[in-house]
Amino acid sequence: MAIGDYPPEYNPKVHGPYDPARYYGKPDTPFSELKLTEIGSWLARRKKSPQSVAGLFSRVFWRWQQKYMLPRKAGIVGAAQFCVAWSALFYYINYGKLKHERRFKYH
């Protein structure tokens, strides 16, 4: 599968129009419905390749975007979530420089 290709599990005759927020693989038990003894086998069934992890993040982004950013009457919630996530990311990136300033009495 190259960049820009559809997933190999996608069949346009069965699934209809392509939706990037949908997983087209074999359906599995949702994590919220697992028992504690089933977690190990559930994790063993996951694909752990870089492509599948990138696909996971892509689906999460598309679901978030379709829920908060693309509706016709989208409010400020999506933009606020984006700004908070962006600020948290840059705080994490710069934490090594900022952690020494917490002991300062005056700035």
PDB file of N, CA and C in Angstrom:
ATOM      1  N   MET A   1       0.838  -1.172   0.000  1.00  0.00           N
ATOM      2  CA  MET A   1       0.000   0.000   0.000  1.00  0.00           C
ATOM      3  C   MET A   1       0.890   1.244   0.000  1.00  0.00           C
ATOM      4  N   ALA A   2       0.745   2.082  -0.987  1.00  0.00           N
ATOM      5  CA  ALA A   2       1.531   3.306  -1.095  1.00  0.00           C
ATOM      6  C   ALA A   2       0.743   4.475  -0.503  1.00  0.00           C
ATOM      7  N   ILE A   3       1.408   5.597  -0.406  1.00  0.00           N
ATOM      8  CA  ILE A   3       0.744   6.787   0.118  1.00  0.00           C
ATOM      9  C   ILE A   3      -0.348   7.209  -0.852  1.00  0.00           C
ATOM     10  N   GLY A   4      -1.540   7.450  -0.337  1.00  0.00           N
ATOM     11  CA  GLY A   4      -2.661   7.870  -1.157  1.00  0.00           C
ATOM     12  C   GLY A   4      -3.546   6.741  -1.641  1.00  0.00           C
ATOM     13  N   ASP A   5      -3.156   5.491  -1.408  1.00  0.00           N
ATOM     14  CA  ASP A   5      -3.978   4.357  -1.819  1.00  0.00           C
ATOM     15  C   ASP A   5      -5.053   4.074  -0.774  1.00  0.00           C
ATOM     16  N   TYR A   6      -6.105   3.401  -1.226  1.00  0.00           N
ATOM     17  CA  TYR A   6      -7.129   2.947  -0.295  1.00  0.00           C
ATOM     18  C   TYR A   6      -6.607   1.753   0.488  1.00  0.00           C
ATOM     19  N   PRO A   7      -7.147   1.501   1.680  1.00  0.00           N
ATOM     20  CA  PRO A   7      -6.730   0.309   2.418  1.00  0.00           C
ATOM     21  C   PRO A   7      -7.089  -0.950   1.641  1.00  0.00           C
ATOM     22  N   PRO A   8      -6.319  -2.028   1.790  1.00  0.00           N
ATOM     23  CA  PRO A   8      -6.616  -3.246   1.022  1.00  0.00           C
ATOM     24  C   PRO A   8      -7.959  -3.876   1.388  1.00  0.00           C
ATOM     25  N   GLU A   9      -8.474  -3.589   2.583  1.00  0.00           N
ATOM     26  CA  GLU A   9      -9.755  -4.171   2.999  1.00  0.00           C
ATOM     27  C   GLU A   9     -10.955  -3.439   2.405  1.00  0.00           C
ATOM     28  N   TYR A  10     -10.740  -2.264   1.824  1.00  0.00           N
ATOM     29  CA  TYR A  10     -11.840  -1.462   1.293  1.00  0.00           C
ATOM     30  C   TYR A  10     -12.321  -2.027  -0.033  1.00  0.00           C
ATOM     31  N   ASN A  11     -13.636  -2.237  -0.137  1.00  0.00           N
ATOM     32  CA  ASN A  11     -14.269  -2.711  -1.366  1.00  0.00           C
ATOM     33  C   ASN A  11     -15.401  -1.741  -1.694  1.00  0.00           C
ATOM     34  N   PRO A  12     -15.305  -0.960  -2.775  1.00  0.00           N
ATOM     35  CA  PRO A  12     -16.333   0.043  -3.060  1.00  0.00           C
ATOM     36  C   PRO A  12     -17.713  -0.548  -3.312  1.00  0.00           C
ATOM     37  N   LYS A  13     -17.780  -1.791  -3.781  1.00  0.00           N
ATOM     38  CA  LYS A  13     -19.087  -2.405  -4.033  1.00  0.00           C
ATOM     39  C   LYS A  13     -19.783  -2.775  -2.731  1.00  0.00           C
ATOM     40  N   VAL A  14     -19.015  -3.084  -1.715  1.00  0.00           N
ATOM     41  CA  VAL A  14     -19.587  -3.481  -0.422  1.00  0.00           C
ATOM     42  C   VAL A  14     -19.754  -2.275   0.499  1.00  0.00           C
ATOM     43  N   HIS A  15     -18.725  -1.412   0.571  1.00  0.00           N
ATOM     44  CA  HIS A  15     -18.709  -0.335   1.553  1.00  0.00           C
ATOM     45  C   HIS A  15     -19.272   0.984   1.042  1.00  0.00           C
ATOM     46  N   GLY A  16     -19.435   1.138  -0.247  1.00  0.00           N
ATOM     47  CA  GLY A  16     -19.924   2.403  -0.780  1.00  0.00           C
ATOM     48  C   GLY A  16     -18.814   3.434  -0.857  1.00  0.00           C
ATOM     49  N   PRO A  17     -19.164   4.720  -0.741  1.00  0.00           N
ATOM     50  CA  PRO A  17     -18.137   5.757  -0.843  1.00  0.00           C
ATOM     51  C   PRO A  17     -17.115   5.631   0.291  1.00  0.00           C
ATOM     52  N   TYR A  18     -15.886   5.967  -0.023  1.00  0.00           N
ATOM     53  CA  TYR A  18     -14.806   5.829   0.954  1.00  0.00           C
ATOM     54  C   TYR A  18     -14.939   6.875   2.049  1.00  0.00           C
ATOM     55  N   ASP A  19     -14.808   6.438   3.288  1.00  0.00           N
ATOM     56  CA  ASP A  19     -14.833   7.323   4.448  1.00  0.00           C
ATOM     57  C   ASP A  19     -13.507   7.163   5.187  1.00  0.00           C
ATOM     58  N   PRO A  20     -12.659   8.194   5.227  1.00  0.00           N
ATOM     59  CA  PRO A  20     -11.355   8.041   5.878  1.00  0.00           C
ATOM     60  C   PRO A  20     -11.446   7.861   7.387  1.00  0.00           C
ATOM     61  N   ALA A  21     -12.591   8.127   7.995  1.00  0.00           N
ATOM     62  CA  ALA A  21     -12.737   7.979   9.442  1.00  0.00           C
ATOM     63  C   ALA A  21     -13.168   6.576   9.841  1.00  0.00           C
ATOM     64  N   ARG A  22     -13.367   5.692   8.884  1.00  0.00           N
ATOM     65  CA  ARG A  22     -13.871   4.345   9.175  1.00  0.00           C
ATOM     66  C   ARG A  22     -12.762   3.317   9.021  1.00  0.00           C
ATOM     67  N   TYR A  23     -12.778   2.293   9.895  1.00  0.00           N
ATOM     68  CA  TYR A  23     -11.832   1.182   9.795  1.00  0.00           C
ATOM     69  C   TYR A  23     -12.486   0.096   8.957  1.00  0.00           C
ATOM     70  N   TYR A  24     -11.835  -0.324   7.878  1.00  0.00           N
ATOM     71  CA  TYR A  24     -12.417  -1.289   6.958  1.00  0.00           C
ATOM     72  C   TYR A  24     -11.944  -2.710   7.206  1.00  0.00           C
ATOM     73  N   GLY A  25     -11.155  -2.932   8.240  1.00  0.00           N
ATOM     74  CA  GLY A  25     -10.692  -4.281   8.545  1.00  0.00           C
ATOM     75  C   GLY A  25     -11.779  -5.107   9.219  1.00  0.00           C
ATOM     76  N   LYS A  26     -11.383  -6.297   9.656  1.00  0.00           N
ATOM     77  CA  LYS A  26     -12.314  -7.195  10.324  1.00  0.00           C
ATOM     78  C   LYS A  26     -12.743  -6.586  11.658  1.00  0.00           C
ATOM     79  N   PRO A  27     -14.049  -6.500  11.934  1.00  0.00           N
ATOM     80  CA  PRO A  27     -14.489  -5.916  13.202  1.00  0.00           C
ATOM     81  C   PRO A  27     -14.052  -6.783  14.387  1.00  0.00           C
ATOM     82  N   ASP A  28     -13.704  -6.129  15.465  1.00  0.00           N
ATOM     83  CA  ASP A  28     -13.252  -6.817  16.665  1.00  0.00           C
ATOM     84  C   ASP A  28     -14.010  -6.257  17.865  1.00  0.00           C
ATOM     85  N   THR A  29     -13.840  -6.894  18.996  1.00  0.00           N
ATOM     86  CA  THR A  29     -14.498  -6.456  20.222  1.00  0.00           C
ATOM     87  C   THR A  29     -13.943  -5.090  20.635  1.00  0.00           C
ATOM     88  N   PRO A  30     -14.803  -4.117  20.916  1.00  0.00           N
ATOM     89  CA  PRO A  30     -14.299  -2.824  21.386  1.00  0.00           C
ATOM     90  C   PRO A  30     -13.567  -2.975  22.723  1.00  0.00           C
ATOM     91  N   PHE A  31     -12.595  -2.121  22.956  1.00  0.00           N
ATOM     92  CA  PHE A  31     -11.786  -2.213  24.175  1.00  0.00           C
ATOM     93  C   PHE A  31     -12.642  -2.040  25.421  1.00  0.00           C
ATOM     94  N   SER A  32     -13.689  -1.231  25.338  1.00  0.00           N
ATOM     95  CA  SER A  32     -14.533  -0.981  26.508  1.00  0.00           C
ATOM     96  C   SER A  32     -15.354  -2.199  26.914  1.00  0.00           C
ATOM     97  N   GLU A  33     -15.488  -3.188  26.034  1.00  0.00           N
ATOM     98  CA  GLU A  33     -16.278  -4.380  26.340  1.00  0.00           C
ATOM     99  C   GLU A  33     -15.420  -5.578  26.736  1.00  0.00           C
ATOM    100  N   LEU A  34     -14.124  -5.390  26.934  1.00  0.00           N
ATOM    101  CA  LEU A  34     -13.235  -6.495  27.275  1.00  0.00           C
ATOM    102  C   LEU A  34     -13.252  -6.779  28.768  1.00  0.00           C
ATOM    103  N   LYS A  35     -12.954  -8.032  29.101  1.00  0.00           N
ATOM    104  CA  LYS A  35     -12.695  -8.400  30.487  1.00  0.00           C
ATOM    105  C   LYS A  35     -11.190  -8.309  30.700  1.00  0.00           C
ATOM    106  N   LEU A  36     -10.764  -8.247  31.947  1.00  0.00           N
ATOM    107  CA  LEU A  36      -9.337  -8.088  32.228  1.00  0.00           C
ATOM    108  C   LEU A  36      -8.514  -9.242  31.686  1.00  0.00           C
ATOM    109  N   THR A  37      -9.065 -10.438  31.664  1.00  0.00           N
ATOM    110  CA  THR A  37      -8.313 -11.598  31.177  1.00  0.00           C
ATOM    111  C   THR A  37      -8.168 -11.597  29.657  1.00  0.00           C
ATOM    112  N   GLU A  38      -8.969 -10.827  28.945  1.00  0.00           N
ATOM    113  CA  GLU A  38      -8.950 -10.813  27.484  1.00  0.00           C
ATOM    114  C   GLU A  38      -8.051  -9.725  26.902  1.00  0.00           C
ATOM    115  N   ILE A  39      -7.503  -8.855  27.735  1.00  0.00           N
ATOM    116  CA  ILE A  39      -6.733  -7.716  27.222  1.00  0.00           C
ATOM    117  C   ILE A  39      -5.470  -8.176  26.499  1.00  0.00           C
ATOM    118  N   GLY A  40      -4.779  -9.178  27.030  1.00  0.00           N
ATOM    119  CA  GLY A  40      -3.549  -9.659  26.394  1.00  0.00           C
ATOM    120  C   GLY A  40      -3.788 -10.210  25.005  1.00  0.00           C
ATOM    121  N   SER A  41      -4.815 -11.035  24.859  1.00  0.00           N
ATOM    122  CA  SER A  41      -5.101 -11.592  23.534  1.00  0.00           C
ATOM    123  C   SER A  41      -5.617 -10.508  22.582  1.00  0.00           C
ATOM    124  N   TRP A  42      -6.331  -9.520  23.119  1.00  0.00           N
ATOM    125  CA  TRP A  42      -6.827  -8.432  22.283  1.00  0.00           C
ATOM    126  C   TRP A  42      -5.651  -7.610  21.743  1.00  0.00           C
ATOM    127  N   LEU A  43      -4.663  -7.323  22.600  1.00  0.00           N
ATOM    128  CA  LEU A  43      -3.485  -6.577  22.149  1.00  0.00           C
ATOM    129  C   LEU A  43      -2.656  -7.383  21.158  1.00  0.00           C
ATOM    130  N   ALA A  44      -2.640  -8.714  21.318  1.00  0.00           N
ATOM    131  CA  ALA A  44      -1.878  -9.556  20.388  1.00  0.00           C
ATOM    132  C   ALA A  44      -2.498  -9.551  18.992  1.00  0.00           C
ATOM    133  N   ARG A  45      -3.799  -9.313  18.892  1.00  0.00           N
ATOM    134  CA  ARG A  45      -4.472  -9.291  17.586  1.00  0.00           C
ATOM    135  C   ARG A  45      -4.282  -7.968  16.850  1.00  0.00           C
ATOM    136  N   ARG A  46      -3.769  -6.942  17.504  1.00  0.00           N
ATOM    137  CA  ARG A  46      -3.592  -5.630  16.876  1.00  0.00           C
ATOM    138  C   ARG A  46      -2.433  -5.660  15.894  1.00  0.00           C
ATOM    139  N   LYS A  47      -2.575  -4.910  14.823  1.00  0.00           N
ATOM    140  CA  LYS A  47      -1.457  -4.704  13.900  1.00  0.00           C
ATOM    141  C   LYS A  47      -0.572  -3.615  14.500  1.00  0.00           C
ATOM    142  N   LYS A  48       0.724  -3.879  14.527  1.00  0.00           N
ATOM    143  CA  LYS A  48       1.632  -2.932  15.167  1.00  0.00           C
ATOM    144  C   LYS A  48       2.639  -2.334  14.183  1.00  0.00           C
ATOM    145  N   SER A  49       2.314  -2.331  12.921  1.00  0.00           N
ATOM    146  CA  SER A  49       3.224  -1.762  11.927  1.00  0.00           C
ATOM    147  C   SER A  49       3.087  -0.233  11.920  1.00  0.00           C
ATOM    148  N   PRO A  50       4.088   0.481  11.418  1.00  0.00           N
ATOM    149  CA  PRO A  50       3.985   1.941  11.340  1.00  0.00           C
ATOM    150  C   PRO A  50       2.809   2.406  10.476  1.00  0.00           C
ATOM    151  N   GLN A  51       2.484   1.648   9.426  1.00  0.00           N
ATOM    152  CA  GLN A  51       1.347   2.025   8.576  1.00  0.00           C
ATOM    153  C   GLN A  51       0.035   1.948   9.343  1.00  0.00           C
ATOM    154  N   SER A  52      -0.139   0.915  10.160  1.00  0.00           N
ATOM    155  CA  SER A  52      -1.394   0.784  10.890  1.00  0.00           C
ATOM    156  C   SER A  52      -1.509   1.846  11.983  1.00  0.00           C
ATOM    157  N   VAL A  53      -0.388   2.203  12.610  1.00  0.00           N
ATOM    158  CA  VAL A  53      -0.415   3.265  13.618  1.00  0.00           C
ATOM    159  C   VAL A  53      -0.722   4.608  12.954  1.00  0.00           C
ATOM    160  N   ALA A  54      -0.130   4.863  11.793  1.00  0.00           N
ATOM    161  CA  ALA A  54      -0.430   6.094  11.061  1.00  0.00           C
ATOM    162  C   ALA A  54      -1.896   6.119  10.633  1.00  0.00           C
ATOM    163  N   GLY A  55      -2.430   4.970  10.210  1.00  0.00           N
ATOM    164  CA  GLY A  55      -3.844   4.890   9.858  1.00  0.00           C
ATOM    165  C   GLY A  55      -4.742   5.152  11.051  1.00  0.00           C
ATOM    166  N   LEU A  56      -4.335   4.667  12.228  1.00  0.00           N
ATOM    167  CA  LEU A  56      -5.102   4.912  13.449  1.00  0.00           C
ATOM    168  C   LEU A  56      -5.181   6.403  13.741  1.00  0.00           C
ATOM    169  N   PHE A  57      -4.034   7.093  13.703  1.00  0.00           N
ATOM    170  CA  PHE A  57      -4.033   8.528  13.968  1.00  0.00           C
ATOM    171  C   PHE A  57      -4.806   9.291  12.898  1.00  0.00           C
ATOM    172  N   SER A  58      -4.747   8.836  11.661  1.00  0.00           N
ATOM    173  CA  SER A  58      -5.503   9.479  10.593  1.00  0.00           C
ATOM    174  C   SER A  58      -7.007   9.349  10.828  1.00  0.00           C
ATOM    175  N   ARG A  59      -7.452   8.152  11.224  1.00  0.00           N
ATOM    176  CA  ARG A  59      -8.881   7.955  11.500  1.00  0.00           C
ATOM    177  C   ARG A  59      -9.343   8.790  12.687  1.00  0.00           C
ATOM    178  N   VAL A  60      -8.504   8.864  13.726  1.00  0.00           N
ATOM    179  CA  VAL A  60      -8.857   9.677  14.896  1.00  0.00           C
ATOM    180  C   VAL A  60      -8.987  11.137  14.497  1.00  0.00           C
ATOM    181  N   PHE A  61      -8.058  11.637  13.681  1.00  0.00           N
ATOM    182  CA  PHE A  61      -8.128  13.028  13.240  1.00  0.00           C
ATOM    183  C   PHE A  61      -9.381  13.282  12.410  1.00  0.00           C
ATOM    184  N   TRP A  62      -9.698  12.375  11.476  1.00  0.00           N
ATOM    185  CA  TRP A  62     -10.877  12.563  10.635  1.00  0.00           C
ATOM    186  C   TRP A  62     -12.156  12.532  11.458  1.00  0.00           C
ATOM    187  N   ARG A  63     -12.226  11.640  12.441  1.00  0.00           N
ATOM    188  CA  ARG A  63     -13.426  11.595  13.293  1.00  0.00           C
ATOM    189  C   ARG A  63     -13.578  12.882  14.081  1.00  0.00           C
ATOM    190  N   TRP A  64     -12.468  13.382  14.639  1.00  0.00           N
ATOM    191  CA  TRP A  64     -12.518  14.637  15.387  1.00  0.00           C
ATOM    192  C   TRP A  64     -12.924  15.785  14.471  1.00  0.00           C
ATOM    193  N   GLN A  65     -12.344  15.816  13.279  1.00  0.00           N
ATOM    194  CA  GLN A  65     -12.639  16.897  12.347  1.00  0.00           C
ATOM    195  C   GLN A  65     -14.102  16.867  11.904  1.00  0.00           C
ATOM    196  N   GLN A  66     -14.629  15.677  11.633  1.00  0.00           N
ATOM    197  CA  GLN A  66     -16.025  15.583  11.207  1.00  0.00           C
ATOM    198  C   GLN A  66     -16.984  15.929  12.337  1.00  0.00           C
ATOM    199  N   LYS A  67     -16.575  15.725  13.575  1.00  0.00           N
ATOM    200  CA  LYS A  67     -17.457  16.012  14.703  1.00  0.00           C
ATOM    201  C   LYS A  67     -17.424  17.481  15.107  1.00  0.00           C
ATOM    202  N   TYR A  68     -16.235  18.098  15.101  1.00  0.00           N
ATOM    203  CA  TYR A  68     -16.109  19.436  15.657  1.00  0.00           C
ATOM    204  C   TYR A  68     -15.826  20.535  14.641  1.00  0.00           C
ATOM    205  N   MET A  69     -15.178  20.241  13.526  1.00  0.00           N
ATOM    206  CA  MET A  69     -14.753  21.302  12.622  1.00  0.00           C
ATOM    207  C   MET A  69     -15.612  21.424  11.361  1.00  0.00           C
ATOM    208  N   LEU A  70     -16.117  20.327  10.840  1.00  0.00           N
ATOM    209  CA  LEU A  70     -16.807  20.359   9.558  1.00  0.00           C
ATOM    210  C   LEU A  70     -18.317  20.593   9.606  1.00  0.00           C
ATOM    211  N   PRO A  71     -18.999  20.428  10.747  1.00  0.00           N
ATOM    212  CA  PRO A  71     -20.440  20.696  10.720  1.00  0.00           C
ATOM    213  C   PRO A  71     -20.736  22.144  10.343  1.00  0.00           C
ATOM    214  N   ARG A  72     -21.921  22.337   9.805  1.00  0.00           N
ATOM    215  CA  ARG A  72     -22.298  23.657   9.326  1.00  0.00           C
ATOM    216  C   ARG A  72     -22.333  24.688  10.454  1.00  0.00           C
ATOM    217  N   LYS A  73     -22.847  24.277  11.610  1.00  0.00           N
ATOM    218  CA  LYS A  73     -22.930  25.197  12.743  1.00  0.00           C
ATOM    219  C   LYS A  73     -21.886  24.838  13.794  1.00  0.00           C
ATOM    220  N   ALA A  74     -20.678  24.620  13.351  1.00  0.00           N
ATOM    221  CA  ALA A  74     -19.600  24.294  14.288  1.00  0.00           C
ATOM    222  C   ALA A  74     -19.297  25.522  15.136  1.00  0.00           C
ATOM    223  N   GLY A  75     -19.245  25.316  16.424  1.00  0.00           N
ATOM    224  CA  GLY A  75     -18.963  26.421  17.336  1.00  0.00           C
ATOM    225  C   GLY A  75     -17.474  26.605  17.537  1.00  0.00           C
ATOM    226  N   ILE A  76     -17.151  27.152  18.674  1.00  0.00           N
ATOM    227  CA  ILE A  76     -15.759  27.449  18.977  1.00  0.00           C
ATOM    228  C   ILE A  76     -15.065  26.271  19.653  1.00  0.00           C
ATOM    229  N   VAL A  77     -15.796  25.202  19.938  1.00  0.00           N
ATOM    230  CA  VAL A  77     -15.231  24.072  20.678  1.00  0.00           C
ATOM    231  C   VAL A  77     -14.057  23.446  19.936  1.00  0.00           C
ATOM    232  N   GLY A  78     -14.197  23.202  18.652  1.00  0.00           N
ATOM    233  CA  GLY A  78     -13.117  22.581  17.893  1.00  0.00           C
ATOM    234  C   GLY A  78     -11.864  23.433  17.866  1.00  0.00           C
ATOM    235  N   ALA A  79     -12.036  24.725  17.654  1.00  0.00           N
ATOM    236  CA  ALA A  79     -10.881  25.627  17.641  1.00  0.00           C
ATOM    237  C   ALA A  79     -10.248  25.713  19.023  1.00  0.00           C
ATOM    238  N   ALA A  80     -11.061  25.715  20.073  1.00  0.00           N
ATOM    239  CA  ALA A  80     -10.523  25.760  21.434  1.00  0.00           C
ATOM    240  C   ALA A  80      -9.754  24.481  21.753  1.00  0.00           C
ATOM    241  N   GLN A  81     -10.286  23.328  21.359  1.00  0.00           N
ATOM    242  CA  GLN A  81      -9.575  22.067  21.584  1.00  0.00           C
ATOM    243  C   GLN A  81      -8.244  22.065  20.837  1.00  0.00           C
ATOM    244  N   PHE A  82      -8.245  22.561  19.622  1.00  0.00           N
ATOM    245  CA  PHE A  82      -7.012  22.630  18.838  1.00  0.00           C
ATOM    246  C   PHE A  82      -5.982  23.527  19.522  1.00  0.00           C
ATOM    247  N   CYS A  83      -6.407  24.682  20.009  1.00  0.00           N
ATOM    248  CA  CYS A  83      -5.477  25.604  20.670  1.00  0.00           C
ATOM    249  C   CYS A  83      -4.921  25.012  21.962  1.00  0.00           C
ATOM    250  N   VAL A  84      -5.758  24.341  22.737  1.00  0.00           N
ATOM    251  CA  VAL A  84      -5.287  23.718  23.981  1.00  0.00           C
ATOM    252  C   VAL A  84      -4.307  22.597  23.666  1.00  0.00           C
ATOM    253  N   ALA A  85      -4.611  21.773  22.672  1.00  0.00           N
ATOM    254  CA  ALA A  85      -3.701  20.683  22.300  1.00  0.00           C
ATOM    255  C   ALA A  85      -2.380  21.243  21.777  1.00  0.00           C
ATOM    256  N   TRP A  86      -2.431  22.302  20.992  1.00  0.00           N
ATOM    257  CA  TRP A  86      -1.219  22.927  20.458  1.00  0.00           C
ATOM    258  C   TRP A  86      -0.369  23.491  21.598  1.00  0.00           C
ATOM    259  N   SER A  87      -1.020  24.148  22.566  1.00  0.00           N
ATOM    260  CA  SER A  87      -0.288  24.698  23.709  1.00  0.00           C
ATOM    261  C   SER A  87       0.333  23.589  24.544  1.00  0.00           C
ATOM    262  N   ALA A  88      -0.404  22.507  24.773  1.00  0.00           N
ATOM    263  CA  ALA A  88       0.129  21.382  25.549  1.00  0.00           C
ATOM    264  C   ALA A  88       1.310  20.736  24.833  1.00  0.00           C
ATOM    265  N   LEU A  89       1.227  20.611  23.518  1.00  0.00           N
ATOM    266  CA  LEU A  89       2.334  20.039  22.756  1.00  0.00           C
ATOM    267  C   LEU A  89       3.594  20.893  22.893  1.00  0.00           C
ATOM    268  N   PHE A  90       3.469  22.204  22.741  1.00  0.00           N
ATOM    269  CA  PHE A  90       4.645  23.053  22.838  1.00  0.00           C
ATOM    270  C   PHE A  90       5.156  23.167  24.270  1.00  0.00           C
ATOM    271  N   TYR A  91       4.280  23.060  25.256  1.00  0.00           N
ATOM    272  CA  TYR A  91       4.746  23.011  26.644  1.00  0.00           C
ATOM    273  C   TYR A  91       5.567  21.749  26.865  1.00  0.00           C
ATOM    274  N   TYR A  92       5.112  20.632  26.322  1.00  0.00           N
ATOM    275  CA  TYR A  92       5.853  19.372  26.445  1.00  0.00           C
ATOM    276  C   TYR A  92       7.212  19.463  25.746  1.00  0.00           C
ATOM    277  N   ILE A  93       7.222  20.065  24.565  1.00  0.00           N
ATOM    278  CA  ILE A  93       8.474  20.200  23.818  1.00  0.00           C
ATOM    279  C   ILE A  93       9.468  21.083  24.577  1.00  0.00           C
ATOM    280  N   ASN A  94       8.995  22.166  25.183  1.00  0.00           N
ATOM    281  CA  ASN A  94       9.874  23.128  25.848  1.00  0.00           C
ATOM    282  C   ASN A  94      10.015  22.888  27.342  1.00  0.00           C
ATOM    283  N   TYR A  95       9.520  21.778  27.854  1.00  0.00           N
ATOM    284  CA  TYR A  95       9.542  21.545  29.295  1.00  0.00           C
ATOM    285  C   TYR A  95      10.965  21.515  29.845  1.00  0.00           C
ATOM    286  N   GLY A  96      11.907  20.993  29.091  1.00  0.00           N
ATOM    287  CA  GLY A  96      13.293  20.949  29.548  1.00  0.00           C
ATOM    288  C   GLY A  96      13.851  22.325  29.854  1.00  0.00           C
ATOM    289  N   LYS A  97      13.434  23.334  29.114  1.00  0.00           N
ATOM    290  CA  LYS A  97      13.897  24.703  29.354  1.00  0.00           C
ATOM    291  C   LYS A  97      13.070  25.391  30.432  1.00  0.00           C
ATOM    292  N   LEU A  98      11.791  25.023  30.542  1.00  0.00           N
ATOM    293  CA  LEU A  98      10.902  25.707  31.475  1.00  0.00           C
ATOM    294  C   LEU A  98      10.980  25.175  32.899  1.00  0.00           C
ATOM    295  N   LYS A  99      11.442  23.957  33.097  1.00  0.00           N
ATOM    296  CA  LYS A  99      11.391  23.371  34.441  1.00  0.00           C
ATOM    297  C   LYS A  99      12.326  24.080  35.417  1.00  0.00           C
ATOM    298  N   HIS A 100      13.357  24.760  34.919  1.00  0.00           N
ATOM    299  CA  HIS A 100      14.266  25.476  35.809  1.00  0.00           C
ATOM    300  C   HIS A 100      13.657  26.790  36.305  1.00  0.00           C
ATOM    301  N   GLU A 101      12.679  27.312  35.606  1.00  0.00           N
ATOM    302  CA  GLU A 101      12.091  28.594  35.979  1.00  0.00           C
ATOM    303  C   GLU A 101      11.080  28.484  37.106  1.00  0.00           C
ATOM    304  N   ARG A 102      10.651  27.305  37.462  1.00  0.00           N
ATOM    305  CA  ARG A 102       9.616  27.197  38.490  1.00  0.00           C
ATOM    306  C   ARG A 102      10.151  27.548  39.875  1.00  0.00           C
ATOM    307  N   ARG A 103      11.467  27.526  40.063  1.00  0.00           N
ATOM    308  CA  ARG A 103      12.048  27.870  41.361  1.00  0.00           C
ATOM    309  C   ARG A 103      12.396  29.357  41.463  1.00  0.00           C
ATOM    310  N   PHE A 104      12.236  30.097  40.377  1.00  0.00           N
ATOM    311  CA  PHE A 104      12.567  31.520  40.403  1.00  0.00           C
ATOM    312  C   PHE A 104      11.553  32.271  41.261  1.00  0.00           C
ATOM    313  N   LYS A 105      12.068  33.229  42.033  1.00  0.00           N
ATOM    314  CA  LYS A 105      11.164  34.022  42.853  1.00  0.00           C
ATOM    315  C   LYS A 105      10.561  35.160  42.029  1.00  0.00           C
ATOM    316  N   TYR A 106      11.377  35.795  41.204  1.00  0.00           N
ATOM    317  CA  TYR A 106      10.910  36.880  40.348  1.00  0.00           C
ATOM    318  C   TYR A 106      11.311  36.570  38.919  1.00  0.00           C
ATOM    319  N   HIS A 107      10.527  37.049  37.989  1.00  0.00           N
ATOM    320  CA  HIS A 107      10.847  36.769  36.582  1.00  0.00           C
ATOM    321  C   HIS A 107      11.616  37.886  36.032  1.00  0.00           C
TER     322      HIS A 107
END
